Protein backbone atom coordinates (compact mmCIF):
# COMPACT_ATOMS: atom_id res chain seq x y z
CA UNK A 1 0.00 0.00 0.00
CA UNK A 2 1.38 3.41 -0.99
CA UNK A 3 1.68 6.06 1.73
CA UNK A 4 2.92 9.64 1.93
CA UNK A 5 4.27 11.29 5.07
CA UNK A 6 5.73 14.73 5.71
CA UNK A 7 8.60 15.22 8.12
CA UNK A 8 11.37 17.62 9.04
CA UNK A 9 14.94 17.28 10.31
CA UNK A 10 16.52 19.51 12.93
CA UNK A 11 15.13 21.35 15.94
CA UNK A 12 16.56 24.89 15.80
CA UNK A 13 16.90 26.53 12.37
CA UNK A 14 14.34 26.89 9.59
CA UNK A 15 14.34 23.63 7.67
CA UNK A 16 12.87 21.98 4.59
CA UNK A 17 9.67 19.96 4.73
CA UNK A 18 10.49 16.51 3.35
CA UNK A 19 8.11 14.16 1.55
CA UNK A 20 8.48 10.44 2.21
CA UNK A 21 6.82 8.12 -0.31
CA UNK A 22 6.52 4.40 0.47
CA UNK A 23 5.07 1.59 -1.59
CA UNK A 24 5.71 -1.72 0.11
CA UNK A 25 9.12 -2.67 1.45
CA UNK A 26 11.11 -2.13 -1.75
CA UNK A 27 10.08 1.46 -2.46
CA UNK A 28 10.98 3.99 0.25
CA UNK A 29 11.83 7.40 -1.22
CA UNK A 30 12.42 10.79 0.37
CA UNK A 31 12.76 14.16 -1.36
CA UNK A 32 12.52 17.78 -0.28
CA UNK A 33 9.50 19.91 -1.10
CA UNK A 34 11.63 23.05 -0.67
CA UNK A 35 8.87 24.47 1.52
CA UNK A 36 10.36 25.91 4.72
CA UNK A 37 9.16 25.79 8.31
CA UNK A 38 10.44 26.59 11.79
CA UNK A 39 10.68 23.30 13.77
CA UNK A 40 8.69 24.73 16.68
CA UNK A 41 5.79 25.47 14.33
CA UNK A 42 5.68 21.96 12.86
CA UNK A 43 3.22 19.30 14.07
CA UNK A 44 4.80 15.87 13.61
CA UNK A 45 1.56 14.17 14.64
CA UNK A 46 -0.61 16.02 12.11
CA UNK A 47 2.22 16.39 9.54
CA UNK A 48 1.48 20.03 8.84
CA UNK A 49 2.23 23.53 10.08
CA UNK A 50 0.67 24.33 13.44
CA UNK A 51 -2.27 26.74 13.40
CA UNK A 52 -0.58 29.61 15.23
CA UNK A 53 -1.95 33.13 14.99
CA UNK A 54 1.40 34.77 14.17
CA UNK A 55 2.10 32.54 11.10
CA UNK A 56 0.55 34.18 8.02
CA UNK A 57 1.66 31.45 5.58
CA UNK A 58 0.44 28.38 7.48
CA UNK A 59 -2.81 27.98 5.50
CA UNK A 60 -1.07 28.33 2.13
CA UNK A 61 1.68 25.84 3.04
CA UNK A 62 -0.77 23.28 4.44
CA UNK A 63 -2.98 23.63 1.37
CA UNK A 64 0.02 23.02 -0.88
CA UNK A 65 1.02 19.93 1.11
CA UNK A 66 -2.49 18.50 0.76
CA UNK A 67 -2.56 19.21 -2.99
CA UNK A 68 0.94 17.77 -3.45
CA UNK A 69 -0.06 14.53 -1.70
CA UNK A 70 -2.99 14.05 -4.07
CA UNK A 71 -0.83 14.97 -7.08
CA UNK A 72 1.87 12.42 -6.19
CA UNK A 73 -0.69 9.65 -5.70
CA UNK A 74 -2.35 10.45 -9.06
CA UNK A 75 1.00 10.54 -10.88
CA UNK A 76 2.11 7.30 -9.24
CA UNK A 77 -1.06 5.49 -10.30
CA UNK A 78 -0.71 6.78 -13.86
CA UNK A 79 3.02 6.09 -14.27
CA UNK A 80 3.08 2.80 -12.36
CA UNK A 81 0.29 1.42 -14.55
CA UNK A 82 2.48 2.22 -17.60
CA UNK A 83 5.44 0.37 -16.17
CA UNK A 84 7.56 3.48 -15.51
CA UNK A 85 10.44 3.10 -13.09
CA UNK A 86 9.62 4.73 -9.74
CA UNK A 87 12.78 5.98 -8.04
CA UNK A 88 14.09 9.04 -6.23
CA UNK A 89 14.60 10.89 -9.53
CA UNK A 90 10.93 10.24 -10.39
CA UNK A 91 9.83 11.67 -7.03
CA UNK A 92 12.06 14.76 -7.35
CA UNK A 93 10.80 15.34 -10.88
CA UNK A 94 7.14 15.09 -9.87
CA UNK A 95 7.60 17.49 -6.94
CA UNK A 96 9.37 19.94 -9.28
CA UNK A 97 6.54 19.63 -11.84
CA UNK A 98 3.93 20.29 -9.16
CA UNK A 99 5.63 23.49 -8.06
CA UNK A 100 6.40 24.46 -11.66
CA UNK A 101 10.16 24.67 -11.14
CA UNK A 102 13.20 22.89 -12.59
CA UNK A 103 14.67 19.82 -10.93
CA UNK A 104 17.93 21.71 -10.63
CA UNK A 105 18.72 25.39 -11.05
CA UNK A 106 20.45 24.95 -14.42
CA UNK A 107 17.55 23.05 -16.06
CA UNK A 108 15.53 26.15 -17.01
CA UNK A 109 14.26 24.37 -20.15
CA UNK A 110 12.18 22.13 -17.88
CA UNK A 111 10.03 25.08 -16.77
CA UNK A 112 10.37 27.90 -19.28
CA UNK A 113 9.11 27.53 -22.84
CA UNK A 114 11.72 29.66 -24.65
CA UNK A 115 14.76 27.75 -23.30
CA UNK A 116 12.99 24.49 -24.18
CA UNK A 117 12.49 25.72 -27.77
CA UNK A 118 16.20 26.61 -27.93
CA UNK A 119 17.05 23.04 -26.92
CA UNK A 120 14.39 21.66 -29.29
CA UNK A 121 15.91 23.58 -32.24
CA UNK A 122 19.47 22.64 -31.26
CA UNK A 123 18.53 18.93 -31.35
CA UNK A 124 16.36 19.21 -34.48
CA UNK A 125 19.08 18.43 -37.10
CA UNK A 126 19.69 15.00 -35.52
CA UNK A 127 16.02 14.13 -35.02
CA UNK A 128 14.57 11.57 -37.47
CA UNK A 129 11.03 11.98 -38.80
CA UNK A 130 8.87 8.94 -38.14
CA UNK A 131 7.84 7.09 -41.29
CA UNK A 132 10.33 8.94 -43.51
CA UNK A 133 13.65 7.97 -41.91
CA UNK A 134 14.92 11.43 -42.79
CA UNK A 135 16.28 14.27 -40.72
CA UNK A 136 14.13 17.35 -40.24
CA UNK A 137 14.38 19.69 -43.25
CA UNK A 138 16.21 23.02 -43.01
CA UNK A 139 12.98 24.80 -43.94
CA UNK A 140 11.22 23.28 -40.95
CA UNK A 141 14.02 24.39 -38.62
CA UNK A 142 13.73 27.89 -40.09
CA UNK A 143 10.03 27.80 -39.22
CA UNK A 144 10.90 26.84 -35.64
CA UNK A 145 13.29 29.80 -35.42
CA UNK A 146 10.79 32.35 -36.77
CA UNK A 147 8.23 31.16 -34.20
CA UNK A 148 10.86 31.40 -31.46
CA UNK A 149 11.59 35.00 -32.47
CA UNK A 150 7.90 35.91 -32.33
CA UNK A 151 7.58 34.41 -28.85
CA UNK A 152 10.62 36.40 -27.71
CA UNK A 153 8.97 39.57 -29.06
CA UNK A 154 5.79 38.61 -27.18
CA UNK A 155 7.75 38.16 -23.93
CA UNK A 156 9.46 41.51 -24.42
CA UNK A 157 6.16 43.25 -25.16
CA UNK A 158 4.39 41.90 -22.07
CA UNK A 159 7.45 41.75 -19.78
CA UNK A 160 6.97 38.09 -19.01
CA UNK A 161 8.75 34.73 -19.22
CA UNK A 162 6.50 32.01 -20.58
CA UNK A 163 6.29 28.81 -18.56
CA UNK A 164 4.73 25.60 -19.84
CA UNK A 165 1.86 26.19 -17.44
CA UNK A 166 1.20 29.56 -19.14
CA UNK A 167 0.25 27.94 -22.45
CA UNK A 168 -3.48 28.26 -21.82
CA UNK A 169 -6.36 29.86 -23.71
CA UNK A 170 -5.54 33.27 -22.21
CA UNK A 171 -2.05 33.09 -23.75
CA UNK A 172 -3.58 31.86 -27.03
CA UNK A 173 -5.93 34.85 -27.32
CA UNK A 174 -3.26 37.30 -26.22
CA UNK A 175 -0.62 35.94 -28.61
CA UNK A 176 -2.98 35.99 -31.60
CA UNK A 177 -4.09 39.52 -30.74
CA UNK A 178 -0.44 40.60 -30.44
CA UNK A 179 0.40 39.15 -33.87
CA UNK A 180 -2.71 40.36 -35.70
CA UNK A 181 -3.39 43.75 -34.13
CA UNK A 182 0.07 44.98 -33.16
CA UNK A 183 2.26 43.28 -35.75
CA UNK A 184 -0.38 43.26 -38.52
CA UNK A 185 0.42 39.68 -39.50
CA UNK A 186 -2.10 37.87 -41.71
CA UNK A 187 -4.12 34.98 -40.30
CA UNK A 188 -2.44 32.32 -42.45
CA UNK A 189 1.01 33.18 -41.06
CA UNK A 190 -0.42 33.34 -37.53
CA UNK A 191 -1.71 29.81 -38.08
CA UNK A 192 1.84 28.68 -38.90
CA UNK A 193 3.09 30.15 -35.60
CA UNK A 194 0.31 28.52 -33.56
CA UNK A 195 0.89 25.18 -35.28
CA UNK A 196 4.59 25.30 -34.36
CA UNK A 197 3.79 26.26 -30.75
CA UNK A 198 1.49 23.22 -30.49
CA UNK A 199 4.09 20.91 -32.05
CA UNK A 200 6.83 21.93 -29.63
CA UNK A 201 4.51 22.01 -26.60
CA UNK A 202 3.35 18.47 -27.37
CA UNK A 203 6.98 17.35 -27.48
CA UNK A 204 7.48 18.91 -24.03
CA UNK A 205 4.35 17.14 -22.80
CA UNK A 206 5.71 13.79 -24.03
CA UNK A 207 8.84 14.45 -21.99
CA UNK A 208 6.71 14.74 -18.86
CA UNK A 209 6.91 18.53 -18.53
CA UNK A 210 3.95 20.43 -17.01
CA UNK A 211 2.35 21.77 -20.20
CA UNK A 212 -1.04 23.38 -19.61
CA UNK A 213 -3.84 21.03 -20.76
CA UNK A 214 -5.40 23.85 -22.81
CA UNK A 215 -2.80 23.12 -25.50
CA UNK A 216 -5.16 20.30 -26.60
CA UNK A 217 -8.36 22.31 -26.13
CA UNK A 218 -10.56 22.69 -29.27
CA UNK A 219 -10.37 26.47 -28.85
CA UNK A 220 -6.54 26.33 -29.00
CA UNK A 221 -6.80 25.70 -32.73
CA UNK A 222 -4.61 26.54 -35.73
CA UNK A 223 -6.27 29.37 -37.72
CA UNK A 224 -6.54 28.65 -41.43
CA UNK A 225 -7.52 30.85 -44.34
CA UNK A 226 -8.79 29.95 -47.78
CA UNK A 227 -6.40 31.81 -50.02
CA UNK A 228 -7.45 33.26 -53.36
CA UNK A 229 -4.54 31.46 -54.99
CA UNK A 230 -4.24 31.63 -58.75
CA UNK A 231 -3.13 29.07 -61.29
CA UNK A 232 -2.23 29.10 -64.98
CA UNK A 233 -4.40 27.22 -67.45
CA UNK A 234 -2.83 25.08 -70.15
CA UNK A 235 -3.34 27.76 -72.81
CA UNK A 236 -1.61 30.34 -70.58
CA UNK A 237 1.34 28.00 -70.04
CA UNK A 238 1.54 27.51 -73.81
CA UNK A 239 1.53 31.30 -74.27
CA UNK A 240 4.57 31.59 -71.99
CA UNK A 241 6.34 28.69 -73.72
CA UNK A 242 5.83 30.20 -77.19
CA UNK A 243 6.42 33.87 -76.30
CA UNK A 244 9.37 35.66 -77.90
CA UNK A 245 11.36 37.36 -75.19
CA UNK A 246 13.60 39.09 -77.75
CA UNK A 247 16.75 37.33 -76.65
CA UNK A 248 16.65 38.69 -73.07
CA UNK A 249 18.67 35.92 -71.42
CA UNK A 250 17.35 36.29 -67.85
CA UNK A 251 13.74 36.05 -69.10
CA UNK A 252 14.42 33.15 -71.47
CA UNK A 253 16.25 31.25 -68.75
CA UNK A 254 13.53 31.95 -66.18
CA UNK A 255 10.83 31.02 -68.73
CA UNK A 256 12.43 27.61 -69.25
CA UNK A 257 12.76 27.03 -65.50
CA UNK A 258 9.13 28.14 -65.10
CA UNK A 259 7.91 25.69 -67.75
CA UNK A 260 9.81 22.86 -66.06
CA UNK A 261 8.15 23.73 -62.75
CA UNK A 262 4.70 24.00 -64.36
CA UNK A 263 5.06 20.69 -66.25
CA UNK A 264 6.55 18.63 -63.40
CA UNK A 265 4.59 19.89 -60.37
CA UNK A 266 7.82 20.06 -58.36
CA UNK A 267 8.47 22.61 -55.63
CA UNK A 268 10.98 25.35 -56.42
CA UNK A 269 13.42 23.74 -53.97
CA UNK A 270 13.43 20.73 -56.29
CA UNK A 271 13.09 21.96 -59.88
CA UNK A 272 15.86 24.54 -59.45
CA UNK A 273 18.34 21.78 -58.57
CA UNK A 274 17.51 19.32 -61.36
CA UNK A 275 20.57 17.88 -63.10
CA UNK A 276 21.11 15.58 -66.08
CA UNK A 277 21.57 12.74 -63.57
CA UNK A 278 17.90 13.12 -62.62
CA UNK A 279 16.85 11.94 -66.11
CA UNK A 280 16.43 8.16 -66.09
CA UNK A 281 14.88 6.22 -68.97
CA UNK A 282 12.85 9.19 -70.16
CA UNK A 283 11.61 10.14 -66.67
CA UNK A 284 12.63 12.75 -64.12
CA UNK A 285 13.43 11.06 -60.83
CA UNK A 286 14.23 13.10 -57.73
CA UNK A 287 14.13 12.81 -53.97
CA UNK A 288 12.13 15.84 -52.83
CA UNK A 289 13.89 18.13 -50.41
CA UNK A 290 10.90 18.89 -48.20
CA UNK A 291 9.55 15.38 -47.62
CA UNK A 292 12.42 13.11 -48.65
CA UNK A 293 10.01 11.24 -50.94
CA UNK A 294 11.22 10.00 -54.33
CA UNK A 295 8.93 10.96 -57.22
CA UNK A 296 9.04 9.85 -60.84
CA UNK A 297 7.66 12.21 -63.51
CA UNK A 298 7.39 11.60 -67.28
CA UNK A 299 8.95 14.23 -69.52
CA UNK A 300 6.37 16.61 -70.97
CA UNK A 301 6.99 17.52 -74.61
CA UNK A 302 7.75 21.13 -73.63
CA UNK A 303 10.32 19.97 -71.07
CA UNK A 304 11.87 17.71 -73.72
CA UNK A 305 12.09 20.65 -76.11
CA UNK A 306 13.88 22.77 -73.48
CA UNK A 307 16.38 20.01 -72.68
CA UNK A 308 17.12 19.46 -76.37
CA UNK A 309 17.46 23.20 -77.05
CA UNK A 310 19.84 23.74 -74.12
CA UNK A 311 21.51 20.34 -74.22
CA UNK A 312 20.53 20.02 -70.54
CA UNK A 313 18.74 21.99 -67.86
CA UNK A 314 18.60 25.82 -67.72
CA UNK A 315 21.02 27.79 -65.58
CA UNK A 316 20.06 27.61 -61.89
CA UNK A 317 19.20 30.86 -60.08
CA UNK A 318 18.15 31.73 -56.53
CA UNK A 319 14.54 31.47 -55.34
CA UNK A 320 14.44 35.25 -54.90
CA UNK A 321 15.70 35.98 -58.45
CA UNK A 322 13.27 33.42 -59.87
CA UNK A 323 10.29 35.09 -58.20
CA UNK A 324 11.44 38.51 -59.40
CA UNK A 325 12.01 37.43 -62.99
CA UNK A 326 8.86 35.29 -63.28
CA UNK A 327 6.70 38.33 -62.52
CA UNK A 328 8.54 40.31 -65.17
CA UNK A 329 8.14 37.63 -67.85
CA UNK A 330 4.41 37.29 -67.09
CA UNK A 331 4.04 41.08 -67.39
CA UNK A 332 5.90 41.02 -70.72
CA UNK A 333 3.60 38.17 -71.82
CA UNK A 334 0.68 40.53 -70.99
CA UNK A 335 -0.95 38.61 -68.14
CA UNK A 336 -2.76 41.79 -67.11
CA UNK A 337 -6.21 40.40 -66.29
CA UNK A 338 -7.50 41.90 -63.01
CA UNK A 339 -7.49 39.10 -60.44
CA UNK A 340 -8.40 38.72 -56.76
CA UNK A 341 -5.43 37.64 -54.68
CA UNK A 342 -2.75 38.63 -52.20
CA UNK A 343 0.81 39.87 -52.47
CA UNK A 344 3.55 41.26 -50.24
CA UNK A 345 3.45 45.02 -49.68
CA UNK A 346 7.05 46.18 -50.18
CA UNK A 347 6.67 48.96 -47.60
CA UNK A 348 5.03 47.00 -44.76
CA UNK A 349 6.56 43.61 -45.70
CA UNK A 350 3.11 42.11 -45.04
CA UNK A 351 0.82 40.16 -47.33
CA UNK A 352 -2.22 42.16 -48.42
CA UNK A 353 -5.47 41.11 -50.11
CA UNK A 354 -6.79 42.99 -53.10
CA UNK A 355 -7.38 43.05 -56.86
CA UNK A 356 -4.20 43.14 -58.94
CA UNK A 357 -3.04 42.44 -62.47
CA UNK A 358 -2.44 38.72 -62.71
CA UNK A 359 1.33 38.96 -63.30
CA UNK A 360 1.72 40.66 -59.90
CA UNK A 361 0.39 37.53 -58.14
CA UNK A 362 2.65 35.02 -59.89
CA UNK A 363 5.35 33.26 -57.87
CA UNK A 364 6.99 29.84 -57.72
CA UNK A 365 3.99 28.43 -55.81
CA UNK A 366 1.88 28.67 -58.95
CA UNK A 367 3.84 25.83 -60.60
CA UNK A 368 2.70 23.00 -58.37
CA UNK A 369 -0.82 24.43 -58.08
CA UNK A 370 -1.22 24.73 -61.86
CA UNK A 371 0.11 21.22 -62.48
CA UNK A 372 -2.39 19.63 -60.07
CA UNK A 373 -5.34 21.79 -61.15
CA UNK A 374 -4.87 21.24 -64.88
CA UNK A 375 -4.78 17.45 -64.45
CA UNK A 376 -7.64 17.33 -61.93
CA UNK A 377 -10.65 15.53 -63.42
CA UNK A 378 -8.60 14.21 -66.36
CA UNK A 379 -6.66 11.64 -64.33
CA UNK A 380 -7.67 9.94 -61.10
CA UNK A 381 -6.45 11.73 -57.97
CA UNK A 382 -4.15 8.91 -56.84
CA UNK A 383 -2.21 9.03 -60.12
CA UNK A 384 -1.68 12.79 -59.84
CA UNK A 385 -0.73 12.40 -56.17
CA UNK A 386 1.86 9.80 -57.15
CA UNK A 387 3.59 12.48 -59.23
CA UNK A 388 3.14 15.43 -56.87
CA UNK A 389 4.10 13.35 -53.83
CA UNK A 390 1.02 14.28 -51.79
CA UNK A 391 0.45 11.62 -49.16
CA UNK A 392 -3.24 12.34 -48.50
CA UNK A 393 -6.10 13.40 -50.73
CA UNK A 394 -6.89 16.21 -48.29
CA UNK A 395 -3.44 17.71 -48.85
CA UNK A 396 -3.77 17.27 -52.60
CA UNK A 397 -7.18 18.94 -52.86
CA UNK A 398 -5.79 22.10 -51.23
CA UNK A 399 -3.84 22.64 -54.44
CA UNK A 400 -6.89 22.45 -56.68
CA UNK A 401 -7.96 26.00 -57.56
CA UNK A 402 -10.81 25.49 -60.02
CA UNK A 403 -13.42 28.25 -59.58
CA UNK A 404 -17.13 27.58 -59.09
CA UNK A 405 -17.76 28.82 -62.63
CA UNK A 406 -15.18 26.40 -64.02
CA UNK A 407 -16.80 23.56 -62.05
CA UNK A 408 -20.19 24.53 -63.49
CA UNK A 409 -18.67 24.55 -67.00
CA UNK A 410 -17.34 21.03 -66.44
CA UNK A 411 -20.82 19.85 -65.41
CA UNK A 412 -22.34 21.65 -68.41
CA UNK A 413 -19.89 19.96 -70.79
CA UNK A 414 -20.64 16.58 -69.22
CA UNK A 415 -24.38 17.03 -69.68
CA UNK A 416 -23.92 18.23 -73.27
CA UNK A 417 -21.80 15.19 -74.03
CA UNK A 418 -24.39 12.96 -72.34
CA UNK A 419 -27.18 14.55 -74.43
CA UNK A 420 -25.18 14.05 -77.64
CA UNK A 421 -24.57 10.38 -76.84
CA UNK A 422 -28.25 9.91 -76.03
CA UNK A 423 -29.27 11.55 -79.32
CA UNK A 424 -26.93 9.23 -81.26
CA UNK A 425 -28.38 6.18 -79.50
CA UNK A 426 -31.95 7.32 -80.29
CA UNK A 427 -31.02 7.85 -83.92
CA UNK A 428 -29.57 4.33 -84.11
CA UNK A 429 -32.77 2.90 -82.61
CA UNK A 430 -34.86 4.62 -85.30
CA UNK A 431 -32.65 3.23 -88.07
CA UNK A 432 -32.96 -0.31 -86.68
CA UNK A 433 -36.75 -0.02 -86.62
């Protein structure tokens, strides 16, 4: 039978209140609570601070001792049923968790969220992703760092140091308000920050740290927005492929890179690093940088034409230069249709919604989106996903940007085709009669 007793040592000076936990003969553990008491004010019989009029902290200390006893019993039942080893380290750790303090003074990452994130990021390059057997991508680590910086700005703004126990719905509302109202960050980016906070907090929870249970509350959700993302139709891609850029090398080179991205569905991190070695038996084969998944893509006739013309792949450029040049080439190709969308305001450095000429909204993201959207409905989803590398249909469908009008047109064409086939069948029936 498990029992808990409180005791003190010494008779003169202020001393620590010790907790003794016993479970049968083999488990007899003692650890300090770090709560202090004068020996003359301690009742050994009742195992609590005596109710003297001159002691203003007696009720608070006794309440904490009662709560700690219940906490230790609950944690023991939970951990013992899972087969966890119950030793003095376990007891010290549980007492520290109850009082929301580190086991030792140097272990600040066991109580404070920011130091834990620092440790989490430091260990990230050696952590293997389950199911992929790959290390965490550099882009993901960058995302961790940007979230860390925002949390540091939050702490500075509110003159606080976030503990795991602070990650409740009050923090959630305050952090979102700070990002949206004070920093004018769009909801989609805020969602990325909240998602990262939840990921790291869950890791802390798995390590037995005292994360506030609100982290799993339905109201502690990741905000999402439905972006007015654009895509290029096949005829628009053909316009770019056939356009005469008057020998301007940067535009011709970017055009060819753009066509390769549009006709392979690869992310910019992948199509900008394609080499001749990636061509195998008439297919492009590459291990994607983001997911570590190997995809195999047949060569589109336009990609073949580019490879033959250049005797290999176009000159590689940076992501930033690509996004600058691709807007210019779409402007030169007269993609000036007014379109609803969002783009970065150069002055505020924030994404803003509005109506712009289509070329202003073009970036590398349009490649993958256009590839998936143009094939949607012509091939089954699983076949397209096999090329794009999407692992779930939910992820894949986020890339499909067909408008309601275009969906209605597809239904209209289907019905027209159905009516034509029915008319042919009726005509055949009349001839037979």
